[in-house]
Amino acid sequence: LGFTIITFLSAITLIGLKPAILRYIPFYMGKN
């Protein structure tokens, strides 16, 4: 239960960031 709660709260800190990283890093690398 403790791990589940902490994992959930940790995921909240990343809302929107992971998709942005996966989108923009390849995009900007393609443009050098």
All heavy atoms as atom14 arrays in JSON, in Angstrom:
{
  "sequence": "LGFTIITFLSAITLIGLKPAILRYIPFYMGKN",
  "atom14_mask": [
    [1, 1, 1, 1, 1, 1, 1, 1, 0, 0, 0, 0, 0, 0],
    [1, 1, 1, 1, 0, 0, 0, 0, 0, 0, 0, 0, 0, 0],
    [1, 1, 1, 1, 1, 1, 1, 1, 1, 1, 1, 0, 0, 0],
    [1, 1, 1, 1, 1, 1, 1, 0, 0, 0, 0, 0, 0, 0],
    [1, 1, 1, 1, 1, 1, 1, 1, 0, 0, 0, 0, 0, 0],
    [1, 1, 1, 1, 1, 1, 1, 1, 0, 0, 0, 0, 0, 0],
    [1, 1, 1, 1, 1, 1, 1, 0, 0, 0, 0, 0, 0, 0],
    [1, 1, 1, 1, 1, 1, 1, 1, 1, 1, 1, 0, 0, 0],
    [1, 1, 1, 1, 1, 1, 1, 1, 0, 0, 0, 0, 0, 0],
    [1, 1, 1, 1, 1, 1, 0, 0, 0, 0, 0, 0, 0, 0],
    [1, 1, 1, 1, 1, 0, 0, 0, 0, 0, 0, 0, 0, 0],
    [1, 1, 1, 1, 1, 1, 1, 1, 0, 0, 0, 0, 0, 0],
    [1, 1, 1, 1, 1, 1, 1, 0, 0, 0, 0, 0, 0, 0],
    [1, 1, 1, 1, 1, 1, 1, 1, 0, 0, 0, 0, 0, 0],
    [1, 1, 1, 1, 1, 1, 1, 1, 0, 0, 0, 0, 0, 0],
    [1, 1, 1, 1, 0, 0, 0, 0, 0, 0, 0, 0, 0, 0],
    [1, 1, 1, 1, 1, 1, 1, 1, 0, 0, 0, 0, 0, 0],
    [1, 1, 1, 1, 1, 1, 1, 1, 1, 0, 0, 0, 0, 0],
    [1, 1, 1, 1, 1, 1, 1, 0, 0, 0, 0, 0, 0, 0],
    [1, 1, 1, 1, 1, 0, 0, 0, 0, 0, 0, 0, 0, 0],
    [1, 1, 1, 1, 1, 1, 1, 1, 0, 0, 0, 0, 0, 0],
    [1, 1, 1, 1, 1, 1, 1, 1, 0, 0, 0, 0, 0, 0],
    [1, 1, 1, 1, 1, 1, 1, 1, 1, 1, 1, 0, 0, 0],
    [1, 1, 1, 1, 1, 1, 1, 1, 1, 1, 1, 1, 0, 0],
    [1, 1, 1, 1, 1, 1, 1, 1, 0, 0, 0, 0, 0, 0],
    [1, 1, 1, 1, 1, 1, 1, 0, 0, 0, 0, 0, 0, 0],
    [1, 1, 1, 1, 1, 1, 1, 1, 1, 1, 1, 0, 0, 0],
    [1, 1, 1, 1, 1, 1, 1, 1, 1, 1, 1, 1, 0, 0],
    [1, 1, 1, 1, 1, 1, 1, 1, 0, 0, 0, 0, 0, 0],
    [1, 1, 1, 1, 0, 0, 0, 0, 0, 0, 0, 0, 0, 0],
    [1, 1, 1, 1, 1, 1, 1, 1, 1, 0, 0, 0, 0, 0],
    [1, 1, 1, 1, 1, 1, 1, 1, 0, 0, 0, 0, 0, 0]
  ],
  "atom14_positions": [
    [[0.83, -1.2, 0.0], [0.0, 0.0, 0.0], [0.87, 1.26, 0.0], [0.59, 2.21, -0.74], [-0.93, 0.0, 1.21], [-1.86, 1.21, 1.37], [-2.76, 1.37, 0.15], [-2.7, 1.07, 2.64], [0.0, 0.0, 0.0], [0.0, 0.0, 0.0], [0.0, 0.0, 0.0], [0.0, 0.0, 0.0], [0.0, 0.0, 0.0], [0.0, 0.0, 0.0]],
    [[1.91, 1.25, 0.81], [2.81, 2.4, 0.86], [3.46, 2.68, -0.48], [3.5, 3.82, -0.95], [0.0, 0.0, 0.0], [0.0, 0.0, 0.0], [0.0, 0.0, 0.0], [0.0, 0.0, 0.0], [0.0, 0.0, 0.0], [0.0, 0.0, 0.0], [0.0, 0.0, 0.0], [0.0, 0.0, 0.0], [0.0, 0.0, 0.0], [0.0, 0.0, 0.0]],
    [[3.96, 1.61, -1.13], [4.59, 1.77, -2.45], [3.59, 2.26, -3.49], [3.92, 3.08, -4.34], [5.19, 0.44, -2.9], [6.53, 0.13, -2.3], [6.8, -1.12, -1.78], [7.52, 1.09, -2.23], [8.03, -1.42, -1.23], [8.75, 0.81, -1.69], [9.02, -0.45, -1.17], [0.0, 0.0, 0.0], [0.0, 0.0, 0.0], [0.0, 0.0, 0.0]],
    [[2.36, 1.75, -3.41], [1.33, 2.15, -4.37], [1.02, 3.65, -4.25], [0.92, 4.35, -5.26], [0.04, 1.34, -4.13], [0.34, -0.06, -4.29], [-1.03, 1.74, -5.13], [0.0, 0.0, 0.0], [0.0, 0.0, 0.0], [0.0, 0.0, 0.0], [0.0, 0.0, 0.0], [0.0, 0.0, 0.0], [0.0, 0.0, 0.0], [0.0, 0.0, 0.0]],
    [[0.9, 4.12, -3.03], [0.6, 5.54, -2.79], [1.75, 6.42, -3.29], [1.52, 7.42, -3.98], [0.34, 5.8, -1.29], [-0.96, 5.11, -0.86], [0.26, 7.3, -1.01], [-1.18, 5.1, 0.64], [0.0, 0.0, 0.0], [0.0, 0.0, 0.0], [0.0, 0.0, 0.0], [0.0, 0.0, 0.0], [0.0, 0.0, 0.0], [0.0, 0.0, 0.0]],
    [[2.97, 6.06, -2.94], [4.13, 6.86, -3.35], [4.32, 6.82, -4.86], [4.67, 7.85, -5.47], [5.4, 6.35, -2.63], [5.3, 6.59, -1.13], [6.65, 7.03, -3.19], [5.13, 8.05, -0.72], [0.0, 0.0, 0.0], [0.0, 0.0, 0.0], [0.0, 0.0, 0.0], [0.0, 0.0, 0.0], [0.0, 0.0, 0.0], [0.0, 0.0, 0.0]],
    [[4.09, 5.67, -5.47], [4.2, 5.58, -6.94], [3.18, 6.48, -7.62], [3.49, 7.16, -8.6], [3.99, 4.11, -7.39], [4.99, 3.29, -6.8], [4.08, 4.01, -8.91], [0.0, 0.0, 0.0], [0.0, 0.0, 0.0], [0.0, 0.0, 0.0], [0.0, 0.0, 0.0], [0.0, 0.0, 0.0], [0.0, 0.0, 0.0], [0.0, 0.0, 0.0]],
    [[1.97, 6.48, -7.09], [0.91, 7.34, -7.63], [1.29, 8.82, -7.49], [1.16, 9.6, -8.46], [-0.41, 7.07, -6.91], [-1.51, 8.05, -7.26], [-2.16, 7.97, -8.48], [-1.86, 9.06, -6.37], [-3.16, 8.88, -8.81], [-2.87, 9.97, -6.69], [-3.52, 9.89, -7.91], [0.0, 0.0, 0.0], [0.0, 0.0, 0.0], [0.0, 0.0, 0.0]],
    [[1.76, 9.22, -6.33], [2.13, 10.61, -6.1], [3.34, 11.01, -6.96], [3.41, 12.15, -7.43], [2.45, 10.84, -4.61], [1.26, 10.7, -3.66], [1.72, 10.81, -2.21], [0.2, 11.76, -3.95], [0.0, 0.0, 0.0], [0.0, 0.0, 0.0], [0.0, 0.0, 0.0], [0.0, 0.0, 0.0], [0.0, 0.0, 0.0], [0.0, 0.0, 0.0]],
    [[4.27, 10.08, -7.15], [5.42, 10.36, -8.02], [4.99, 10.59, -9.45], [5.53, 11.45, -10.15], [6.42, 9.19, -7.95], [6.9, 8.99, -6.66], [0.0, 0.0, 0.0], [0.0, 0.0, 0.0], [0.0, 0.0, 0.0], [0.0, 0.0, 0.0], [0.0, 0.0, 0.0], [0.0, 0.0, 0.0], [0.0, 0.0, 0.0], [0.0, 0.0, 0.0]],
    [[4.0, 9.82, -9.9], [3.5, 9.96, -11.27], [2.86, 11.32, -11.49], [2.93, 11.87, -12.61], [2.51, 8.84, -11.58], [0.0, 0.0, 0.0], [0.0, 0.0, 0.0], [0.0, 0.0, 0.0], [0.0, 0.0, 0.0], [0.0, 0.0, 0.0], [0.0, 0.0, 0.0], [0.0, 0.0, 0.0], [0.0, 0.0, 0.0], [0.0, 0.0, 0.0]],
    [[2.25, 11.87, -10.44], [1.61, 13.18, -10.57], [2.63, 14.26, -10.93], [2.32, 15.19, -11.67], [0.89, 13.55, -9.25], [-0.31, 12.63, -9.02], [0.43, 15.01, -9.26], [-1.0, 12.84, -7.69], [0.0, 0.0, 0.0], [0.0, 0.0, 0.0], [0.0, 0.0, 0.0], [0.0, 0.0, 0.0], [0.0, 0.0, 0.0], [0.0, 0.0, 0.0]],
    [[3.85, 14.12, -10.44], [4.89, 15.13, -10.7], [5.32, 15.15, -12.17], [6.02, 16.07, -12.59], [6.14, 14.88, -9.83], [6.78, 13.65, -10.24], [5.76, 14.79, -8.36], [0.0, 0.0, 0.0], [0.0, 0.0, 0.0], [0.0, 0.0, 0.0], [0.0, 0.0, 0.0], [0.0, 0.0, 0.0], [0.0, 0.0, 0.0], [0.0, 0.0, 0.0]],
    [[4.9, 14.14, -12.92], [5.34, 14.02, -14.32], [4.23, 14.28, -15.33], [4.44, 14.1, -16.53], [5.91, 12.62, -14.56], [7.12, 12.23, -13.7], [7.43, 10.76, -13.89], [8.33, 13.08, -14.06], [0.0, 0.0, 0.0], [0.0, 0.0, 0.0], [0.0, 0.0, 0.0], [0.0, 0.0, 0.0], [0.0, 0.0, 0.0], [0.0, 0.0, 0.0]],
    [[3.05, 14.68, -14.84], [1.92, 14.87, -15.74], [2.27, 15.86, -16.87], [2.66, 17.0, -16.63], [0.69, 15.38, -14.96], [0.13, 14.27, -14.07], [-0.4, 15.87, -15.92], [-1.05, 14.68, -13.23], [0.0, 0.0, 0.0], [0.0, 0.0, 0.0], [0.0, 0.0, 0.0], [0.0, 0.0, 0.0], [0.0, 0.0, 0.0], [0.0, 0.0, 0.0]],
    [[2.15, 15.39, -18.09], [2.41, 16.23, -19.26], [3.86, 16.29, -19.69], [4.16, 16.67, -20.83], [0.0, 0.0, 0.0], [0.0, 0.0, 0.0], [0.0, 0.0, 0.0], [0.0, 0.0, 0.0], [0.0, 0.0, 0.0], [0.0, 0.0, 0.0], [0.0, 0.0, 0.0], [0.0, 0.0, 0.0], [0.0, 0.0, 0.0], [0.0, 0.0, 0.0]],
    [[4.79, 15.93, -18.79], [6.21, 16.08, -19.1], [6.74, 14.94, -19.97], [7.5, 15.18, -20.92], [7.03, 16.18, -17.81], [6.81, 17.44, -16.98], [7.65, 17.39, -15.69], [7.18, 18.7, -17.78], [0.0, 0.0, 0.0], [0.0, 0.0, 0.0], [0.0, 0.0, 0.0], [0.0, 0.0, 0.0], [0.0, 0.0, 0.0], [0.0, 0.0, 0.0]],
    [[6.35, 13.72, -19.66], [6.86, 12.59, -20.43], [6.44, 12.66, -21.9], [7.29, 12.49, -22.79], [6.42, 11.28, -19.79], [7.11, 10.99, -18.46], [6.55, 9.77, -17.76], [6.88, 8.51, -18.48], [6.45, 7.3, -17.72], [0.0, 0.0, 0.0], [0.0, 0.0, 0.0], [0.0, 0.0, 0.0], [0.0, 0.0, 0.0], [0.0, 0.0, 0.0]],
    [[5.16, 12.93, -22.22], [4.79, 13.07, -23.63], [5.52, 14.22, -24.31], [5.88, 14.12, -25.5], [3.28, 13.34, -23.57], [2.83, 12.8, -22.27], [3.97, 13.01, -21.33], [0.0, 0.0, 0.0], [0.0, 0.0, 0.0], [0.0, 0.0, 0.0], [0.0, 0.0, 0.0], [0.0, 0.0, 0.0], [0.0, 0.0, 0.0], [0.0, 0.0, 0.0]],
    [[5.75, 15.31, -23.57], [6.45, 16.46, -24.15], [7.89, 16.1, -24.49], [8.4, 16.46, -25.57], [6.42, 17.64, -23.17], [0.0, 0.0, 0.0], [0.0, 0.0, 0.0], [0.0, 0.0, 0.0], [0.0, 0.0, 0.0], [0.0, 0.0, 0.0], [0.0, 0.0, 0.0], [0.0, 0.0, 0.0], [0.0, 0.0, 0.0], [0.0, 0.0, 0.0]],
    [[8.55, 15.38, -23.59], [9.94, 14.96, -23.84], [10.01, 14.04, -25.05], [10.86, 14.21, -25.93], [10.51, 14.25, -22.59], [10.7, 15.26, -21.45], [11.84, 13.58, -22.92], [11.06, 14.62, -20.14], [0.0, 0.0, 0.0], [0.0, 0.0, 0.0], [0.0, 0.0, 0.0], [0.0, 0.0, 0.0], [0.0, 0.0, 0.0], [0.0, 0.0, 0.0]],
    [[9.11, 13.06, -25.09], [9.12, 12.09, -26.19], [8.78, 12.74, -27.53], [9.17, 12.24, -28.58], [8.12, 10.97, -25.89], [8.5, 10.04, -24.72], [7.36, 9.08, -24.42], [9.77, 9.26, -25.05], [0.0, 0.0, 0.0], [0.0, 0.0, 0.0], [0.0, 0.0, 0.0], [0.0, 0.0, 0.0], [0.0, 0.0, 0.0], [0.0, 0.0, 0.0]],
    [[8.07, 13.85, -27.49], [7.7, 14.54, -28.73], [8.79, 15.51, -29.18], [9.2, 15.5, -30.34], [6.39, 15.28, -28.54], [5.99, 16.1, -29.76], [4.72, 16.88, -29.54], [4.37, 17.69, -30.7], [3.36, 18.53, -30.76], [2.56, 18.68, -29.71], [3.12, 19.24, -31.86], [0.0, 0.0, 0.0], [0.0, 0.0, 0.0], [0.0, 0.0, 0.0]],
    [[9.24, 16.36, -28.25], [10.08, 17.49, -28.65], [11.56, 17.16, -28.8], [12.25, 17.8, -29.6], [9.9, 18.65, -27.67], [8.56, 19.34, -27.82], [7.59, 19.24, -26.84], [8.26, 20.06, -28.98], [6.35, 19.85, -26.99], [7.02, 20.66, -29.15], [6.08, 20.56, -28.14], [4.85, 21.16, -28.3], [0.0, 0.0, 0.0], [0.0, 0.0, 0.0]],
    [[12.06, 16.18, -28.06], [13.47, 15.83, -28.25], [13.72, 15.31, -29.67], [14.62, 15.81, -30.36], [13.94, 14.83, -27.18], [14.12, 15.55, -25.85], [15.26, 14.16, -27.6], [14.6, 14.65, -24.72], [0.0, 0.0, 0.0], [0.0, 0.0, 0.0], [0.0, 0.0, 0.0], [0.0, 0.0, 0.0], [0.0, 0.0, 0.0], [0.0, 0.0, 0.0]],
    [[12.95, 14.32, -30.17], [13.17, 13.9, -31.56], [12.9, 15.03, -32.57], [13.6, 15.12, -33.59], [12.15, 12.76, -31.74], [11.86, 12.27, -30.37], [11.93, 13.48, -29.5], [0.0, 0.0, 0.0], [0.0, 0.0, 0.0], [0.0, 0.0, 0.0], [0.0, 0.0, 0.0], [0.0, 0.0, 0.0], [0.0, 0.0, 0.0], [0.0, 0.0, 0.0]],
    [[11.91, 15.88, -32.25], [11.58, 16.97, -33.16], [12.75, 17.94, -33.3], [13.15, 18.29, -34.43], [10.35, 17.72, -32.63], [9.96, 18.91, -33.46], [9.32, 18.76, -34.68], [10.24, 20.21, -33.01], [8.96, 19.87, -35.44], [9.89, 21.32, -33.77], [9.25, 21.15, -34.99], [0.0, 0.0, 0.0], [0.0, 0.0, 0.0], [0.0, 0.0, 0.0]],
    [[13.32, 18.36, -32.18], [14.44, 19.31, -32.23], [15.73, 18.65, -32.7], [16.56, 19.3, -33.35], [14.65, 19.94, -30.85], [13.55, 20.9, -30.45], [12.97, 20.84, -29.19], [13.08, 21.86, -31.34], [11.95, 21.72, -28.81], [12.07, 22.73, -30.99], [11.5, 22.66, -29.73], [10.5, 23.53, -29.37], [0.0, 0.0, 0.0], [0.0, 0.0, 0.0]],
    [[15.9, 17.36, -32.41], [17.08, 16.66, -32.91], [17.03, 16.58, -34.43], [18.06, 16.69, -35.11], [17.15, 15.25, -32.32], [17.62, 15.19, -30.88], [19.32, 15.77, -30.63], [20.24, 14.49, -31.5], [0.0, 0.0, 0.0], [0.0, 0.0, 0.0], [0.0, 0.0, 0.0], [0.0, 0.0, 0.0], [0.0, 0.0, 0.0], [0.0, 0.0, 0.0]],
    [[15.83, 16.39, -34.97], [15.66, 16.36, -36.43], [16.03, 17.67, -37.09], [16.43, 17.7, -38.26], [0.0, 0.0, 0.0], [0.0, 0.0, 0.0], [0.0, 0.0, 0.0], [0.0, 0.0, 0.0], [0.0, 0.0, 0.0], [0.0, 0.0, 0.0], [0.0, 0.0, 0.0], [0.0, 0.0, 0.0], [0.0, 0.0, 0.0], [0.0, 0.0, 0.0]],
    [[15.91, 18.75, -36.33], [16.26, 20.07, -36.84], [17.67, 20.49, -36.43], [18.09, 21.63, -36.67], [15.26, 21.11, -36.32], [13.85, 20.96, -36.88], [12.93, 22.01, -36.3], [11.54, 21.95, -36.94], [11.56, 22.29, -38.38], [0.0, 0.0, 0.0], [0.0, 0.0, 0.0], [0.0, 0.0, 0.0], [0.0, 0.0, 0.0], [0.0, 0.0, 0.0]],
    [[18.39, 19.58, -35.74], [19.74, 19.87, -35.21], [19.73, 21.08, -34.28], [20.72, 21.8, -34.19], [20.74, 20.09, -36.36], [21.0, 18.83, -37.16], [21.05, 17.73, -36.59], [21.12, 18.97, -38.47], [0.0, 0.0, 0.0], [0.0, 0.0, 0.0], [0.0, 0.0, 0.0], [0.0, 0.0, 0.0], [0.0, 0.0, 0.0], [0.0, 0.0, 0.0]]
  ]
}
